[in-house]
C-alpha atoms as a PDB file:
ATOM      1  CA  MET A   1     135.136  89.609 115.028  1.00  0.00           C
ATOM      2  CA  GLU A   2     134.173  86.072 114.032  1.00  0.00           C
ATOM      3  CA  ILE A   3     136.071  83.193 115.523  1.00  0.00           C
ATOM      4  CA  LEU A   4     136.459  80.095 113.340  1.00  0.00           C
ATOM      5  CA  ASP A   5     137.246  76.558 114.367  1.00  0.00           C
ATOM      6  CA  LEU A   6     140.184  74.799 112.677  1.00  0.00           C
ATOM      7  CA  TYR A   7     139.990  71.281 111.087  1.00  0.00           C
ATOM      8  CA  ASP A   8     142.392  68.771 109.752  1.00  0.00           C
ATOM      9  CA  ASP A   9     142.488  67.811 106.060  1.00  0.00           C
ATOM     10  CA  ASN A  10     139.828  65.175 106.659  1.00  0.00           C
ATOM     11  CA  GLY A  11     137.373  67.694 108.230  1.00  0.00           C
ATOM     12  CA  LYS A  12     138.032  66.534 111.779  1.00  0.00           C
ATOM     13  CA  LEU A  13     137.529  69.311 114.279  1.00  0.00           C
ATOM     14  CA  LEU A  14     140.733  70.314 116.062  1.00  0.00           C
ATOM     15  CA  ASN A  15     140.716  71.892 119.438  1.00  0.00           C
ATOM     16  CA  GLU A  16     141.911  75.240 117.959  1.00  0.00           C
ATOM     17  CA  THR A  17     140.377  78.453 116.693  1.00  0.00           C
ATOM     18  CA  ILE A  18     141.501  81.409 114.598  1.00  0.00           C
ATOM     19  CA  PRO A  19     139.978  84.898 114.096  1.00  0.00           C
ATOM     20  CA  ARG A  20     138.429  85.190 110.636  1.00  0.00           C
ATOM     21  CA  GLY A  21     140.818  86.816 108.182  1.00  0.00           C
ATOM     22  CA  GLU A  22     144.066  85.678 109.887  1.00  0.00           C
ATOM     23  CA  LYS A  23     146.443  83.425 107.946  1.00  0.00           C
ATOM     24  CA  ILE A  24     145.434  79.790 108.334  1.00  0.00           C
ATOM     25  CA  PRO A  25     148.327  77.575 109.582  1.00  0.00           C
ATOM     26  CA  ASP A  26     149.681  75.018 107.151  1.00  0.00           C
ATOM     27  CA  GLY A  27     148.037  71.647 107.517  1.00  0.00           C
ATOM     28  CA  LYS A  28     144.933  73.205 109.066  1.00  0.00           C
ATOM     29  CA  ASN A  29     141.668  74.362 107.542  1.00  0.00           C
ATOM     30  CA  ILE A  30     138.663  76.557 108.151  1.00  0.00           C
ATOM     31  CA  MET A  31     135.213  75.297 107.110  1.00  0.00           C
ATOM     32  CA  LEU A  32     132.604  76.834 104.895  1.00  0.00           C
ATOM     33  CA  SER A  33     129.148  75.805 103.833  1.00  0.00           C
ATOM     34  CA  VAL A  34     127.486  76.482 100.445  1.00  0.00           C
ATOM     35  CA  ILE A  35     123.948  75.674  99.222  1.00  0.00           C
ATOM     36  CA  PHE A  36     122.618  75.571  95.694  1.00  0.00           C
ATOM     37  CA  ILE A  37     118.886  76.298  95.484  1.00  0.00           C
ATOM     38  CA  LYS A  38     117.131  74.780  92.443  1.00  0.00           C
ATOM     39  CA  ASN A  39     113.601  75.631  91.306  1.00  0.00           C
ATOM     40  CA  GLY A  40     111.092  73.528  89.427  1.00  0.00           C
ATOM     41  CA  GLU A  41     112.461  74.818  86.076  1.00  0.00           C
ATOM     42  CA  ASP A  42     115.905  73.377  86.743  1.00  0.00           C
ATOM     43  CA  LYS A  43     117.362  76.852  87.409  1.00  0.00           C
ATOM     44  CA  TYR A  44     119.570  77.786  90.324  1.00  0.00           C
ATOM     45  CA  LEU A  45     119.236  80.801  92.618  1.00  0.00           C
ATOM     46  CA  ILE A  46     122.399  82.811  92.060  1.00  0.00           C
ATOM     47  CA  GLN A  47     123.366  85.988  93.872  1.00  0.00           C
ATOM     48  CA  LYS A  48     125.482  88.887  92.758  1.00  0.00           C
ATOM     49  CA  ASN A  49     127.567  89.799  95.794  1.00  0.00           C
ATOM     50  CA  SER A  50     127.685  93.411  96.985  1.00  0.00           C
ATOM     51  CA  LYS A  51     130.473  95.690  95.880  1.00  0.00           C
ATOM     52  CA  GLU A  52     132.011  95.310  99.347  1.00  0.00           C
ATOM     53  CA  LYS A  53     132.189  91.558  98.640  1.00  0.00           C
ATOM     54  CA  GLY A  54     133.697  91.911  95.181  1.00  0.00           C
ATOM     55  CA  SER A  55     130.612  92.012  92.860  1.00  0.00           C
ATOM     56  CA  LYS A  56     131.118  88.362  91.853  1.00  0.00           C
ATOM     57  CA  TYR A  57     128.289  85.928  91.393  1.00  0.00           C
ATOM     58  CA  SER A  58     127.921  82.976  93.785  1.00  0.00           C
ATOM     59  CA  SER A  59     125.526  80.778  95.559  1.00  0.00           C
ATOM     60  CA  THR A  60     124.472  81.305  99.169  1.00  0.00           C
ATOM     61  CA  GLY A  61     126.986  80.330 101.852  1.00  0.00           C
ATOM     62  CA  GLY A  62     129.432  81.352 104.507  1.00  0.00           C
ATOM     63  CA  HIS A  63     131.973  80.495 107.127  1.00  0.00           C
ATOM     64  CA  VAL A  64     131.249  77.907 109.804  1.00  0.00           C
ATOM     65  CA  ILE A  65     131.837  79.900 112.979  1.00  0.00           C
ATOM     66  CA  HIS A  66     133.127  78.557 116.313  1.00  0.00           C
ATOM     67  CA  ASN A  67     130.892  75.915 117.890  1.00  0.00           C
ATOM     68  CA  GLU A  68     128.705  75.663 114.796  1.00  0.00           C
ATOM     69  CA  ASP A  69     128.368  72.799 112.337  1.00  0.00           C
ATOM     70  CA  GLY A  70     128.029  73.068 108.566  1.00  0.00           C
ATOM     71  CA  PHE A  71     124.257  72.421 108.519  1.00  0.00           C
ATOM     72  CA  THR A  72     123.572  75.031 111.160  1.00  0.00           C
ATOM     73  CA  THR A  73     125.716  77.503 109.177  1.00  0.00           C
ATOM     74  CA  ILE A  74     123.732  77.021 105.949  1.00  0.00           C
ATOM     75  CA  VAL A  75     120.430  77.466 107.780  1.00  0.00           C
ATOM     76  CA  ARG A  76     121.782  80.668 109.338  1.00  0.00           C
ATOM     77  CA  GLU A  77     123.178  81.959 106.024  1.00  0.00           C
ATOM     78  CA  LEU A  78     119.836  81.351 104.185  1.00  0.00           C
ATOM     79  CA  ASP A  79     118.173  83.507 106.800  1.00  0.00           C
ATOM     80  CA  GLU A  80     120.816  86.190 107.002  1.00  0.00           C
ATOM     81  CA  GLU A  81     121.524  86.616 103.260  1.00  0.00           C
ATOM     82  CA  LEU A  82     118.096  85.945 101.816  1.00  0.00           C
ATOM     83  CA  GLY A  83     115.618  86.075 104.687  1.00  0.00           C
ATOM     84  CA  LEU A  84     114.624  82.487 103.943  1.00  0.00           C
ATOM     85  CA  LYS A  85     113.473  80.204 106.674  1.00  0.00           C
ATOM     86  CA  VAL A  86     113.368  76.680 105.315  1.00  0.00           C
ATOM     87  CA  ASP A  87     112.359  73.285 106.668  1.00  0.00           C
ATOM     88  CA  ASP A  88     115.595  71.610 107.733  1.00  0.00           C
ATOM     89  CA  LYS A  89     114.384  68.334 106.233  1.00  0.00           C
ATOM     90  CA  GLU A  90     114.335  69.841 102.742  1.00  0.00           C
ATOM     91  CA  ILE A  91     118.045  70.604 102.684  1.00  0.00           C
ATOM     92  CA  LYS A  92     120.043  67.800 101.115  1.00  0.00           C
ATOM     93  CA  ASN A  93     123.685  67.239 102.043  1.00  0.00           C
ATOM     94  CA  ILE A  94     125.662  66.631  98.804  1.00  0.00           C
ATOM     95  CA  THR A  95     129.240  66.295 100.041  1.00  0.00           C
ATOM     96  CA  THR A  96     132.046  67.589 102.269  1.00  0.00           C
ATOM     97  CA  PHE A  97     135.451  67.988 100.660  1.00  0.00           C
ATOM     98  CA  LYS A  98     138.828  69.591 101.110  1.00  0.00           C
ATOM     99  CA  TYR A  99     139.244  72.384  98.554  1.00  0.00           C
ATOM    100  CA  PRO A 100     142.340  71.849  96.370  1.00  0.00           C
ATOM    101  CA  ASN A 101     145.401  74.001  97.153  1.00  0.00           C
ATOM    102  CA  LYS A 102     143.572  76.056  99.847  1.00  0.00           C
ATOM    103  CA  ASN A 103     143.134  75.617 103.551  1.00  0.00           C
ATOM    104  CA  CYS A 104     139.352  75.136 103.344  1.00  0.00           C
ATOM    105  CA  ILE A 105     136.833  72.344 103.874  1.00  0.00           C
ATOM    106  CA  PHE A 106     133.473  72.827 102.154  1.00  0.00           C
ATOM    107  CA  ASN A 107     130.125  71.391 103.019  1.00  0.00           C
ATOM    108  CA  VAL A 108     127.873  71.394  99.959  1.00  0.00           C
ATOM    109  CA  TYR A 109     124.059  71.347 100.191  1.00  0.00           C
ATOM    110  CA  GLU A 110     121.218  71.454  97.737  1.00  0.00           C
ATOM    111  CA  LEU A 111     117.675  72.652  98.207  1.00  0.00           C
ATOM    112  CA  ASP A 112     114.812  72.126  95.775  1.00  0.00           C
ATOM    113  CA  ILE A 113     112.193  74.811  95.837  1.00  0.00           C
ATOM    114  CA  THR A 114     109.240  74.459  93.476  1.00  0.00           C
ATOM    115  CA  SER A 115     108.257  78.150  93.783  1.00  0.00           C
ATOM    116  CA  LEU A 116     109.878  81.176  95.257  1.00  0.00           C
ATOM    117  CA  ASN A 117     108.761  84.729  94.572  1.00  0.00           C
ATOM    118  CA  LEU A 118     111.987  86.682  94.380  1.00  0.00           C
ATOM    119  CA  ASP A 119     110.121  89.914  95.311  1.00  0.00           C
ATOM    120  CA  ASN A 120     109.547  88.308  98.783  1.00  0.00           C
ATOM    121  CA  VAL A 121     113.218  87.570  99.367  1.00  0.00           C
ATOM    122  CA  LYS A 122     114.831  89.983 101.823  1.00  0.00           C
ATOM    123  CA  LEU A 123     118.435  90.539 100.761  1.00  0.00           C
ATOM    124  CA  GLN A 124     121.207  91.339 103.218  1.00  0.00           C
ATOM    125  CA  GLU A 125     122.439  94.425 101.316  1.00  0.00           C
ATOM    126  CA  SER A 126     125.935  94.383 102.892  1.00  0.00           C
ATOM    127  CA  GLU A 127     126.398  90.961 101.299  1.00  0.00           C
ATOM    128  CA  VAL A 128     124.058  90.589  98.345  1.00  0.00           C
ATOM    129  CA  GLU A 129     123.269  93.090  95.599  1.00  0.00           C
ATOM    130  CA  SER A 130     120.772  91.003  93.556  1.00  0.00           C
ATOM    131  CA  ILE A 131     119.511  87.488  92.997  1.00  0.00           C
ATOM    132  CA  ASN A 132     117.990  85.606  90.023  1.00  0.00           C
ATOM    133  CA  PHE A 133     117.278  82.089  88.896  1.00  0.00           C
ATOM    134  CA  LEU A 134     119.690  81.101  86.146  1.00  0.00           C
ATOM    135  CA  SER A 135     120.017  78.015  83.963  1.00  0.00           C
ATOM    136  CA  LYS A 136     123.081  75.810  84.014  1.00  0.00           C
ATOM    137  CA  ASN A 137     124.207  77.317  80.677  1.00  0.00           C
ATOM    138  CA  GLU A 138     123.825  80.935  81.986  1.00  0.00           C
ATOM    139  CA  ILE A 139     125.860  80.024  85.098  1.00  0.00           C
ATOM    140  CA  GLU A 140     128.537  78.342  82.990  1.00  0.00           C
ATOM    141  CA  LYS A 141     128.852  81.511  80.868  1.00  0.00           C
ATOM    142  CA  ILE A 142     129.332  83.646  84.020  1.00  0.00           C
ATOM    143  CA  ILE A 143     131.916  81.138  85.238  1.00  0.00           C
ATOM    144  CA  ASN A 144     133.718  81.124  81.865  1.00  0.00           C
ATOM    145  CA  ASP A 145     133.746  84.939  81.868  1.00  0.00           C
ATOM    146  CA  GLY A 146     135.502  84.878  85.258  1.00  0.00           C
ATOM    147  CA  ASN A 147     132.654  86.598  87.072  1.00  0.00           C
ATOM    148  CA  PHE A 148     131.757  83.733  89.446  1.00  0.00           C
ATOM    149  CA  LEU A 149     133.400  83.204  92.857  1.00  0.00           C
ATOM    150  CA  GLU A 150     136.147  80.708  92.186  1.00  0.00           C
ATOM    151  CA  SER A 151     135.238  78.253  94.928  1.00  0.00           C
ATOM    152  CA  HIS A 152     131.500  78.305  94.129  1.00  0.00           C
ATOM    153  CA  ALA A 153     132.320  77.771  90.407  1.00  0.00           C
ATOM    154  CA  TYR A 154     134.455  74.775  91.349  1.00  0.00           C
ATOM    155  CA  ILE A 155     131.660  73.324  93.456  1.00  0.00           C
ATOM    156  CA  PHE A 156     129.053  73.989  90.744  1.00  0.00           C
ATOM    157  CA  LYS A 157     131.158  72.268  88.041  1.00  0.00           C
ATOM    158  CA  ASN A 158     132.290  69.303  90.191  1.00  0.00           C
ATOM    159  CA  TYR A 159     129.350  68.527  92.428  1.00  0.00           C
ATOM    160  CA  ILE A 160     126.143  70.148  91.139  1.00  0.00           C
ATOM    161  CA  ILE A 161     126.082  69.628  87.345  1.00  0.00           C
ATOM    162  CA  LYS A 162     128.542  66.668  87.289  1.00  0.00           C
END
């Protein structure tokens, strides 16, 4: 069972934890990190989540676990979900924000990769069914069709393609 730290609405760490999946107390938040990976053709690496995870499309990301920060989380998630080991200096922090109407703080990152052979990516099958590089228009169509994870769609529209 994963243990998550709790944060106030400004992203300040509180001295409290909660098991993942439990109801988050009012006025408190869990933290997540998401990264959008862009290639040299201005396309983004989008994953289709496994059936166990709802078969929606999303970017790479996950929960910030107890005693971890957002940056460490995204490096871990890149390795776990995609088998990617990246130079920390290449990851760009875009923003940290409180998600509207939910008890979540999101860290948003971006990574520019000039070339990535998708055949060499090692998917975590329990989390990710498939991946592909998609254009902004292709992603917007998936979002408009309701097949993109809601929070990742919000981030894409408000912070990535702004």
